Amino acid sequence: MSQTYNDIAAGDLISASRTTILARDEASATWFLGTTEPSSMAAGRPWIDTTLNLVKVRNATNTAWITIGTFAAGLGHLLLAGGTMTGDILLANDPTNVLHPSTKQYTDARAVANKGKRWITGDDVITFGTSHADNNYRWVATLVSSPMGGVTTRNNKHTYPMPIYLKNEDADRGLVRINGGFGFTSCGNMTGTTERFDDAANTHTGRANATARNYLAGYSLNGLGFTSCGNTGVDVGTTERFDDAVNTHTARLAATVRDYLAGYSLGGKGFTSCGHIGAITGITQRFDDDANTHTARTAATARRYLAGYGMNNYGFTSCGQDGGGNVGTTERFDDDANNHTARLAATARQFPAGYSLGGKGFTSCGDDAGILGTTQRFDDDANTHTARLAATARKYLTGYSLNGFGFTSCGWIAGNTGITQRFDDAANTHTARAAATARPALAGYATNAYFLNYVSYND
């Protein structure tokens, strides 16, 4: 193809310029198609470079070539109708409009930040392994059924369906509450009396009796309630599993014999800690209901008449009596590390109730040279106990959390009582509920402790 575009002088004859004209026509018609650039240049002149298979045009100052595309259909450009990209594309910025394309850095920043499985004791907190960019993240959680019972397999009012409420506390922690379930009180006053408390209906309903005993511990695992140890005239390690759906207590392997102990659930297992066996002890045991075994763990600081609760993947014991007097000793148990870590002491007292609520631990009531209604909120991150409004003063009571509230029930005030109160931490109020059967030295739990699967995303 011609790439020649010679000038025709003003005096040249047409006959003499025929070859030049034909060459110019061919060059113009074929856009100077060839392996080398045209012999003469002009601003705006096209050239199809067959060496590089590119379509080029001379710039406005006639100093360089501008490549406008490949020598192919559509000049090799992505059509408005769509097409296939064979190379990388660089976007100027992150999207600012809902219809803008996303850069990799924008997408990566909003990919899954955390995912895992965590044991939740009704009203708890999850500390994320990876901090979010800010507090505007999103996350979801679902209940995990377990072989020993739970949600989809039991299909009962108190376990199915159970809504999960999530809230962003900060970039590192999310609050989670499993709604539903009931509160239960069991045994006490040398009876096996077991009652189910429905806060919505404000009723206590009698259930089948457990083995009668005093000074025992209670906890919940996957929609089932457990009572362990106590005193029947002698110290015992009796451990029973209560299934409300069929209203039965089933004997499990006995724990180490003791009374005046604390109990809590953690990581899908039940724990009993401290107590008294002829002497004050710090014995801590982990109960696996599937295997029906109690496994010794590192002992806590020895004391009796204490409270226990689980939160944020730890177990906590608080207050009690160590033989020298009433104490406020508070310890955090890490089952993975198998150690107890001292935390700031609560107000010293014995026979309090304990529960977790909103990612905080609470101790309520008790005795210290007089019956108390002292209620304190423990923040493990800040390692502080904060005074809350006092409950009705009593000792030998039990506690549990249910549907975003803390509950204390029964006990002793110059006589046995069934007083039941609902504590709202946000309003800092205790509200009277229907009384349970009056008895002291009992166990309590709520059927709302389960494993959750969770995933969080940066927004």
Protein backbone atom coordinates (compact mmCIF):
# COMPACT_ATOMS: atom_id res chain seq x y z
CA MET A 1 0.00 0.00 0.00
CA SER A 2 1.16 3.49 -0.75
CA GLN A 3 2.46 5.53 2.15
CA THR A 4 3.49 8.44 -0.10
CA TYR A 5 1.71 11.76 -0.08
CA ASN A 6 3.86 14.05 -2.19
CA ASP A 7 2.94 17.63 -2.95
CA ILE A 8 1.90 18.76 -6.47
CA ALA A 9 3.43 22.05 -7.49
CA ALA A 10 1.14 24.77 -8.78
CA GLY A 11 2.63 24.67 -12.32
CA ASP A 12 2.67 20.88 -12.74
CA LEU A 13 0.57 19.47 -15.54
CA ILE A 14 -2.21 17.04 -14.58
CA SER A 15 -0.82 14.44 -16.97
CA ALA A 16 2.59 14.70 -15.33
CA SER A 17 1.06 14.46 -11.80
CA ARG A 18 -1.14 11.39 -12.46
CA THR A 19 1.13 8.94 -10.61
CA THR A 20 1.47 11.25 -7.64
CA ILE A 21 -2.31 11.75 -7.45
CA LEU A 22 -2.97 8.01 -7.60
CA ALA A 23 -0.41 7.35 -4.84
CA ARG A 24 -1.94 10.05 -2.69
CA ASP A 25 -5.45 8.65 -3.23
CA GLU A 26 -4.34 5.15 -2.31
CA ALA A 27 -2.48 6.37 0.78
CA SER A 28 -5.49 8.39 1.95
CA ALA A 29 -7.96 5.61 1.18
CA THR A 30 -5.95 3.01 3.15
CA TRP A 31 -4.94 5.30 6.02
CA PHE A 32 -1.28 4.91 5.06
CA LEU A 33 -1.45 1.19 5.94
CA GLY A 34 2.05 -0.22 6.19
CA THR A 35 4.95 -1.37 8.31
CA THR A 36 6.60 2.04 8.34
CA GLU A 37 5.21 5.48 9.00
CA PRO A 38 4.19 7.75 6.10
CA SER A 39 6.99 9.50 4.23
CA SER A 40 5.45 12.87 5.02
CA MET A 41 3.73 14.00 8.19
CA ALA A 42 0.80 16.32 8.91
CA ALA A 43 -1.27 17.05 11.99
CA GLY A 44 -4.26 14.68 12.12
CA ARG A 45 -2.79 12.27 9.54
CA PRO A 46 -3.80 8.64 10.22
CA TRP A 47 -1.55 5.57 9.95
CA ILE A 48 -2.33 1.90 10.31
CA ASP A 49 0.89 0.47 11.72
CA THR A 50 0.85 -3.16 10.55
CA THR A 51 4.03 -3.95 12.49
CA LEU A 52 2.32 -3.32 15.83
CA ASN A 53 -1.22 -3.78 14.47
CA LEU A 54 -2.22 -0.34 15.80
CA VAL A 55 -4.25 2.56 14.44
CA LYS A 56 -2.50 5.86 15.03
CA VAL A 57 -3.08 9.54 14.30
CA ARG A 58 -0.63 12.44 14.25
CA ASN A 59 -1.03 14.89 17.14
CA ALA A 60 -2.09 18.52 16.74
CA THR A 61 1.47 19.80 16.72
CA ASN A 62 2.65 17.14 14.30
CA THR A 63 5.31 16.00 16.74
CA ALA A 64 4.19 12.48 17.71
CA TRP A 65 1.77 9.65 17.04
CA ILE A 66 -1.30 9.05 19.20
CA THR A 67 -2.49 5.45 19.36
CA ILE A 68 -6.28 5.33 19.12
CA GLY A 69 -6.69 1.56 19.19
CA THR A 70 -5.79 -1.77 17.67
CA PHE A 71 -6.37 -2.63 13.99
CA ALA A 72 -9.45 -4.71 14.87
CA ALA A 73 -13.21 -4.44 15.18
CA GLY A 74 -14.16 -1.58 17.44
CA LEU A 75 -10.47 -0.59 17.55
CA GLY A 76 -10.14 -3.20 20.30
CA HIS A 77 -12.12 -0.98 22.69
CA LEU A 78 -14.71 -2.28 25.19
CA LEU A 79 -18.09 -1.67 23.59
CA LEU A 80 -20.98 0.00 25.37
CA ALA A 81 -22.86 -3.26 24.85
CA GLY A 82 -20.16 -5.07 26.85
CA GLY A 83 -17.22 -7.31 26.10
CA THR A 84 -14.32 -9.28 27.52
CA MET A 85 -11.30 -7.58 29.10
CA THR A 86 -7.97 -9.34 28.53
CA GLY A 87 -5.84 -7.04 30.66
CA ASP A 88 -5.87 -4.99 33.84
CA ILE A 89 -7.90 -1.83 34.34
CA LEU A 90 -6.88 0.92 36.76
CA LEU A 91 -9.68 2.92 38.40
CA ALA A 92 -9.00 6.45 39.55
CA ASN A 93 -10.64 6.22 42.99
CA ASP A 94 -12.89 4.19 45.26
CA PRO A 95 -16.57 4.37 44.29
CA THR A 96 -18.62 7.29 45.54
CA ASN A 97 -21.83 6.42 43.73
CA VAL A 98 -23.90 3.25 44.07
CA LEU A 99 -23.41 2.57 40.34
CA HIS A 100 -19.62 3.09 40.34
CA PRO A 101 -17.35 0.06 39.93
CA SER A 102 -15.36 -1.01 42.99
CA THR A 103 -11.59 -1.03 43.29
CA LYS A 104 -9.84 -4.04 44.81
CA GLN A 105 -8.76 -2.02 47.83
CA TYR A 106 -12.37 -0.95 48.46
CA THR A 107 -13.67 -4.51 48.15
CA ASP A 108 -10.89 -6.00 50.29
CA ALA A 109 -11.56 -3.48 53.05
CA ARG A 110 -15.17 -4.64 53.13
CA ALA A 111 -14.57 -8.35 52.90
CA VAL A 112 -15.16 -10.74 55.80
CA ALA A 113 -13.26 -9.41 58.79
CA ASN A 114 -14.12 -12.12 61.32
CA LYS A 115 -15.84 -15.47 61.39
CA GLY A 116 -16.02 -18.15 64.02
CA LYS A 117 -18.06 -20.03 66.61
CA ARG A 118 -18.61 -18.77 70.13
CA TRP A 119 -20.43 -19.94 73.24
CA ILE A 120 -23.04 -17.38 74.29
CA THR A 121 -24.63 -17.41 77.73
CA GLY A 122 -27.89 -15.73 76.79
CA ASP A 123 -26.73 -12.12 76.96
CA ASP A 124 -23.07 -11.83 76.12
CA VAL A 125 -20.35 -10.16 74.08
CA ILE A 126 -18.01 -11.33 71.33
CA THR A 127 -14.54 -9.82 71.14
CA PHE A 128 -13.48 -9.97 67.50
CA GLY A 129 -10.06 -11.28 66.54
CA THR A 130 -9.65 -8.54 63.93
CA SER A 131 -10.68 -4.97 64.66
CA HIS A 132 -13.06 -3.32 62.22
CA ALA A 133 -12.20 -0.03 60.55
CA ASP A 134 -14.86 1.71 62.64
CA ASN A 135 -18.15 1.03 64.40
CA ASN A 136 -20.11 0.88 61.13
CA TYR A 137 -19.61 -2.82 60.42
CA ARG A 138 -22.20 -5.48 59.75
CA TRP A 139 -22.43 -8.95 61.24
CA VAL A 140 -24.73 -11.91 61.37
CA ALA A 141 -25.04 -14.85 63.76
CA THR A 142 -26.94 -18.14 63.77
CA LEU A 143 -27.61 -20.71 66.47
CA VAL A 144 -25.70 -23.99 66.33
CA SER A 145 -27.56 -27.16 67.27
CA SER A 146 -25.69 -29.72 69.31
CA PRO A 147 -26.08 -33.49 69.65
CA MET A 148 -27.35 -33.06 73.23
CA GLY A 149 -30.36 -30.97 72.28
CA GLY A 150 -31.02 -27.45 71.21
CA VAL A 151 -32.86 -25.56 68.59
CA THR A 152 -34.11 -27.24 65.46
CA THR A 153 -34.21 -30.78 66.82
CA ARG A 154 -36.33 -30.00 69.89
CA ASN A 155 -38.79 -27.57 68.31
CA ASN A 156 -40.26 -26.36 71.60
CA LYS A 157 -41.57 -22.99 72.64
CA HIS A 158 -38.52 -22.16 74.73
CA THR A 159 -35.92 -23.18 72.15
CA TYR A 160 -37.43 -22.69 68.69
CA PRO A 161 -37.40 -20.18 67.24
CA MET A 162 -35.02 -18.09 69.36
CA PRO A 163 -34.27 -14.65 67.85
CA ILE A 164 -30.71 -13.36 68.03
CA TYR A 165 -30.18 -9.64 68.65
CA LEU A 166 -26.85 -8.08 67.66
CA LYS A 167 -25.42 -4.66 68.43
CA ASN A 168 -22.10 -3.00 67.60
CA GLU A 169 -20.50 -1.98 70.89
CA ASP A 170 -17.30 -0.69 69.30
CA ALA A 171 -14.89 -1.64 66.52
CA ASP A 172 -13.62 -4.60 68.54
CA ARG A 173 -16.69 -5.97 70.30
CA GLY A 174 -20.24 -6.90 69.44
CA LEU A 175 -23.08 -7.46 71.87
CA VAL A 176 -25.27 -10.50 71.29
CA ARG A 177 -28.45 -11.65 72.98
CA ILE A 178 -30.29 -14.91 72.47
CA ASN A 179 -33.93 -14.14 73.13
CA GLY A 180 -36.34 -16.75 74.34
CA GLY A 181 -36.09 -19.57 76.83
CA PHE A 182 -37.23 -19.58 80.41
CA GLY A 183 -35.67 -19.05 83.80
CA PHE A 184 -35.55 -22.01 86.18
CA THR A 185 -35.07 -22.37 89.92
CA SER A 186 -34.34 -25.79 91.35
CA CYS A 187 -33.98 -27.41 94.77
CA GLY A 188 -33.28 -25.48 97.98
CA ASN A 189 -34.64 -25.81 101.51
CA MET A 190 -33.89 -29.54 101.30
CA THR A 191 -36.40 -29.99 98.43
CA GLY A 192 -36.16 -30.80 94.74
CA THR A 193 -38.72 -28.15 93.80
CA THR A 194 -38.15 -27.06 90.19
CA GLU A 195 -40.06 -24.16 88.67
CA ARG A 196 -40.10 -22.57 85.23
CA PHE A 197 -40.42 -18.80 85.09
CA ASP A 198 -42.03 -17.15 82.06
CA ASP A 199 -41.31 -13.43 82.27
CA ALA A 200 -43.76 -12.53 79.50
CA ALA A 201 -46.61 -14.21 81.38
CA ASN A 202 -45.06 -13.47 84.78
CA THR A 203 -45.74 -16.99 86.00
CA HIS A 204 -43.83 -19.75 87.77
CA THR A 205 -44.89 -23.24 86.70
CA GLY A 206 -44.05 -26.35 88.68
CA ARG A 207 -41.95 -28.95 86.91
CA ALA A 208 -40.77 -32.42 87.95
CA ASN A 209 -38.69 -32.39 91.12
CA ALA A 210 -34.93 -32.81 91.01
CA THR A 211 -33.09 -34.79 93.68
CA ALA A 212 -33.69 -32.81 96.87
CA ARG A 213 -30.65 -30.88 98.14
CA ASN A 214 -29.35 -27.49 99.34
CA TYR A 215 -26.35 -25.30 98.50
CA LEU A 216 -25.91 -26.56 94.92
CA ALA A 217 -24.85 -24.98 91.60
CA GLY A 218 -26.74 -24.61 88.33
CA TYR A 219 -25.99 -23.82 84.68
CA SER A 220 -27.49 -24.27 81.21
CA LEU A 221 -26.20 -26.03 78.08
CA ASN A 222 -28.01 -25.99 74.72
CA GLY A 223 -31.54 -25.68 76.05
CA LEU A 224 -31.01 -28.08 78.94
CA GLY A 225 -30.55 -27.23 82.62
CA PHE A 226 -28.03 -28.80 84.98
CA THR A 227 -27.77 -28.94 88.77
CA SER A 228 -24.64 -30.20 90.47
CA CYS A 229 -23.41 -31.07 93.96
CA GLY A 230 -25.00 -29.72 97.17
CA ASN A 231 -26.00 -31.15 100.53
CA THR A 232 -28.65 -33.71 101.41
CA GLY A 233 -27.62 -33.93 105.05
CA VAL A 234 -24.20 -34.87 103.74
CA ASP A 235 -22.24 -33.30 100.92
CA VAL A 236 -22.93 -34.83 97.50
CA GLY A 237 -21.70 -34.56 93.90
CA THR A 238 -25.11 -35.38 92.39
CA THR A 239 -25.35 -33.98 88.84
CA GLU A 240 -28.65 -34.00 86.96
CA ARG A 241 -29.75 -32.83 83.51
CA PHE A 242 -33.21 -31.32 83.19
CA ASP A 243 -35.06 -31.45 79.88
CA ASP A 244 -38.06 -29.16 80.11
CA ALA A 245 -39.54 -30.47 76.87
CA VAL A 246 -40.16 -33.89 78.43
CA ASN A 247 -40.08 -32.64 82.05
CA THR A 248 -37.44 -35.09 83.26
CA HIS A 249 -34.27 -34.96 85.36
CA THR A 250 -31.64 -37.46 84.20
CA ALA A 251 -28.75 -38.56 86.42
CA ARG A 252 -25.30 -37.80 85.09
CA LEU A 253 -21.89 -38.72 86.48
CA ALA A 254 -21.37 -37.21 89.92
CA ALA A 255 -18.94 -34.31 90.34
CA THR A 256 -16.49 -34.12 93.22
CA VAL A 257 -18.58 -33.99 96.39
CA ARG A 258 -19.02 -30.47 97.81
CA ASP A 259 -21.56 -27.78 98.70
CA TYR A 260 -21.64 -23.95 98.76
CA LEU A 261 -20.08 -23.83 95.24
CA ALA A 262 -20.53 -21.76 92.08
CA GLY A 263 -21.49 -22.87 88.57
CA TYR A 264 -21.39 -21.44 85.06
CA SER A 265 -21.29 -22.55 81.42
CA LEU A 266 -18.37 -21.91 79.10
CA GLY A 267 -17.50 -23.21 75.64
CA GLY A 268 -20.31 -25.73 75.57
CA LYS A 269 -19.29 -27.25 78.90
CA GLY A 270 -20.50 -26.81 82.47
CA PHE A 271 -18.17 -25.74 85.26
CA THR A 272 -18.35 -26.04 89.03
CA SER A 273 -15.87 -24.14 91.15
CA CYS A 274 -14.88 -23.83 94.80
CA GLY A 275 -17.13 -24.84 97.72
CA HIS A 276 -16.70 -26.83 100.90
CA ILE A 277 -15.75 -30.48 101.61
CA GLY A 278 -14.97 -30.55 105.29
CA ALA A 279 -12.76 -27.61 104.41
CA ILE A 280 -12.95 -24.70 101.99
CA THR A 281 -11.75 -25.64 98.49
CA GLY A 282 -11.02 -24.11 95.09
CA ILE A 283 -11.72 -27.31 93.15
CA THR A 284 -12.77 -26.50 89.57
CA GLN A 285 -14.21 -29.14 87.26
CA ARG A 286 -15.37 -29.14 83.65
CA PHE A 287 -18.41 -31.25 82.80
CA ASP A 288 -18.83 -32.66 79.27
CA ASP A 289 -22.41 -33.86 78.92
CA ASP A 290 -21.76 -35.74 75.66
CA ALA A 291 -18.98 -37.78 77.26
CA ASN A 292 -20.60 -37.66 80.73
CA THR A 293 -17.27 -36.79 82.37
CA HIS A 294 -15.98 -34.28 84.92
CA THR A 295 -12.40 -33.17 84.24
CA ALA A 296 -10.23 -31.45 86.86
CA ARG A 297 -9.05 -27.97 86.00
CA THR A 298 -6.69 -25.65 87.87
CA ALA A 299 -8.13 -24.76 91.27
CA ALA A 300 -9.49 -21.27 91.92
CA THR A 301 -8.75 -19.34 95.09
CA ALA A 302 -10.41 -21.46 97.76
CA ARG A 303 -13.69 -20.05 99.06
CA ARG A 304 -17.33 -20.94 99.63
CA TYR A 305 -20.68 -19.09 99.50
CA LEU A 306 -19.66 -17.41 96.19
CA ALA A 307 -21.32 -16.51 92.86
CA GLY A 308 -20.38 -17.54 89.32
CA TYR A 309 -21.21 -16.53 85.75
CA GLY A 310 -19.81 -16.91 82.24
CA MET A 311 -19.20 -14.12 79.72
CA ASN A 312 -17.00 -13.25 76.74
CA ASN A 313 -15.54 -16.77 76.58
CA TYR A 314 -14.43 -16.76 80.24
CA GLY A 315 -15.85 -18.00 83.51
CA PHE A 316 -15.96 -15.75 86.57
CA THR A 317 -16.23 -16.41 90.29
CA SER A 318 -16.85 -13.58 92.72
CA CYS A 319 -17.13 -12.93 96.46
CA GLY A 320 -17.63 -15.61 99.10
CA GLN A 321 -15.85 -16.54 102.29
CA ASP A 322 -12.31 -17.86 102.59
CA GLY A 323 -12.34 -18.98 106.23
CA GLY A 324 -10.88 -15.71 107.42
CA GLY A 325 -13.96 -13.69 106.62
CA ASN A 326 -16.07 -12.45 103.75
CA VAL A 327 -14.20 -11.53 100.60
CA GLY A 328 -14.86 -9.82 97.27
CA THR A 329 -12.29 -11.97 95.44
CA THR A 330 -13.08 -11.99 91.72
CA GLU A 331 -11.28 -14.32 89.33
CA ARG A 332 -11.45 -14.91 85.57
CA PHE A 333 -11.05 -18.48 84.38
CA ASP A 334 -9.62 -19.21 80.92
CA ASP A 335 -10.35 -22.84 80.09
CA ASP A 336 -8.01 -22.88 77.07
CA ALA A 337 -5.08 -21.71 79.20
CA ASN A 338 -6.45 -23.49 82.29
CA ASN A 339 -5.73 -20.57 84.60
CA HIS A 340 -7.52 -18.23 86.97
CA THR A 341 -6.56 -14.54 86.80
CA ALA A 342 -7.24 -12.15 89.67
CA ARG A 343 -9.49 -9.22 88.86
CA LEU A 344 -10.50 -6.25 90.98
CA ALA A 345 -12.38 -7.37 94.08
CA ALA A 346 -16.11 -6.74 94.39
CA THR A 347 -17.72 -5.55 97.61
CA ALA A 348 -16.96 -8.31 100.11
CA ARG A 349 -19.95 -10.48 100.92
CA GLN A 350 -21.10 -14.07 101.04
CA PHE A 351 -24.20 -15.82 99.59
CA PRO A 352 -24.70 -13.43 96.60
CA ALA A 353 -26.26 -14.30 93.23
CA GLY A 354 -24.43 -13.85 89.94
CA TYR A 355 -25.36 -13.48 86.26
CA SER A 356 -24.02 -11.94 83.05
CA LEU A 357 -25.87 -9.28 81.11
CA GLY A 358 -24.85 -7.18 78.12
CA GLY A 359 -21.23 -8.33 78.23
CA LYS A 360 -20.90 -7.43 81.91
CA GLY A 361 -21.03 -9.52 85.07
CA PHE A 362 -23.36 -8.79 87.98
CA THR A 363 -23.35 -9.78 91.62
CA SER A 364 -26.43 -9.05 93.70
CA CYS A 365 -27.43 -9.23 97.36
CA GLY A 366 -25.66 -11.40 99.96
CA ASP A 367 -24.55 -10.98 103.54
CA ASP A 368 -21.76 -9.10 105.30
CA ALA A 369 -22.63 -8.69 108.97
CA GLY A 370 -26.15 -8.07 107.72
CA ILE A 371 -28.31 -8.97 104.75
CA LEU A 372 -27.59 -6.84 101.68
CA GLY A 373 -29.20 -5.87 98.38
CA THR A 374 -25.87 -4.61 97.00
CA THR A 375 -25.79 -4.93 93.21
CA GLN A 376 -22.60 -4.34 91.24
CA ARG A 377 -21.73 -4.42 87.54
CA PHE A 378 -18.32 -5.81 86.63
CA ASP A 379 -16.59 -4.60 83.44
CA ASP A 380 -13.76 -7.02 82.71
CA ASP A 381 -12.13 -4.77 80.09
CA ALA A 382 -11.91 -1.84 82.49
CA ASN A 383 -11.54 -4.16 85.51
CA THR A 384 -14.07 -2.14 87.51
CA HIS A 385 -17.10 -2.85 89.67
CA THR A 386 -19.80 -0.16 89.43
CA ALA A 387 -22.58 0.20 91.98
CA ARG A 388 -26.10 -0.23 90.64
CA LEU A 389 -29.43 0.21 92.40
CA ALA A 390 -29.74 -2.25 95.27
CA ALA A 391 -32.13 -5.18 94.95
CA THR A 392 -34.38 -6.31 97.79
CA ALA A 393 -31.92 -7.42 100.45
CA ARG A 394 -31.60 -11.18 100.86
CA LYS A 395 -29.09 -14.01 100.90
CA TYR A 396 -29.01 -17.67 99.78
CA LEU A 397 -30.64 -16.56 96.48
CA THR A 398 -30.02 -17.44 92.84
CA GLY A 399 -29.68 -15.43 89.62
CA TYR A 400 -29.82 -15.75 85.84
CA SER A 401 -30.19 -13.55 82.75
CA LEU A 402 -33.10 -13.76 80.33
CA ASN A 403 -34.14 -11.68 77.31
CA GLY A 404 -31.91 -8.71 78.11
CA PHE A 405 -32.63 -8.57 81.84
CA GLY A 406 -31.06 -9.97 84.99
CA PHE A 407 -33.19 -11.89 87.48
CA THR A 408 -32.75 -12.70 91.15
CA SER A 409 -35.06 -15.17 92.83
CA CYS A 410 -35.83 -16.62 96.27
CA GLY A 411 -33.45 -16.59 99.24
CA TRP A 412 -33.78 -15.75 102.90
CA ILE A 413 -34.79 -12.56 104.76
CA ALA A 414 -35.44 -13.52 108.38
CA GLY A 415 -37.32 -16.39 106.75
CA ASN A 416 -37.59 -18.13 103.40
CA THR A 417 -38.72 -15.96 100.50
CA GLY A 418 -39.66 -16.43 96.83
CA ILE A 419 -39.09 -12.78 95.89
CA THR A 420 -38.27 -12.53 92.19
CA GLN A 421 -36.99 -9.30 90.67
CA ARG A 422 -36.10 -8.25 87.13
CA PHE A 423 -33.12 -5.91 86.78
CA ASP A 424 -32.90 -3.50 83.84
CA ASP A 425 -29.33 -2.23 83.71
CA ALA A 426 -30.09 0.54 81.19
CA ALA A 427 -32.79 2.00 83.46
CA ASN A 428 -31.00 0.84 86.65
CA THR A 429 -34.24 -0.50 88.12
CA HIS A 430 -35.41 -3.68 89.84
CA THR A 431 -39.02 -4.61 89.05
CA ALA A 432 -41.01 -7.06 91.17
CA ARG A 433 -42.22 -10.17 89.40
CA ALA A 434 -44.45 -12.99 90.64
CA ALA A 435 -42.85 -14.79 93.58
CA ALA A 436 -41.45 -18.29 93.19
CA THR A 437 -41.96 -20.96 95.82
CA ALA A 438 -40.15 -19.60 98.87
CA ARG A 439 -36.84 -21.35 99.52
CA PRO A 440 -33.18 -20.56 100.16
CA ALA A 441 -29.93 -22.22 99.08
CA LEU A 442 -31.15 -23.12 95.58
CA ALA A 443 -29.77 -23.17 92.01
CA GLY A 444 -30.89 -21.14 89.01
CA TYR A 445 -30.32 -21.07 85.27
CA ALA A 446 -31.93 -19.90 82.03
CA THR A 447 -32.25 -22.12 78.96
CA ASN A 448 -30.56 -19.69 76.58
CA ALA A 449 -26.91 -20.75 76.40
CA TYR A 450 -25.81 -21.95 72.95
CA PHE A 451 -23.02 -21.88 70.41
CA LEU A 452 -23.34 -19.25 67.67
CA ASN A 453 -21.73 -19.11 64.25
CA TYR A 454 -20.92 -15.50 63.35
CA VAL A 455 -19.48 -13.51 60.45
CA SER A 456 -18.63 -9.78 60.45
CA TYR A 457 -17.97 -7.43 57.51
CA ASN A 458 -16.57 -3.95 57.25
CA ASP A 459 -19.18 -1.62 55.77
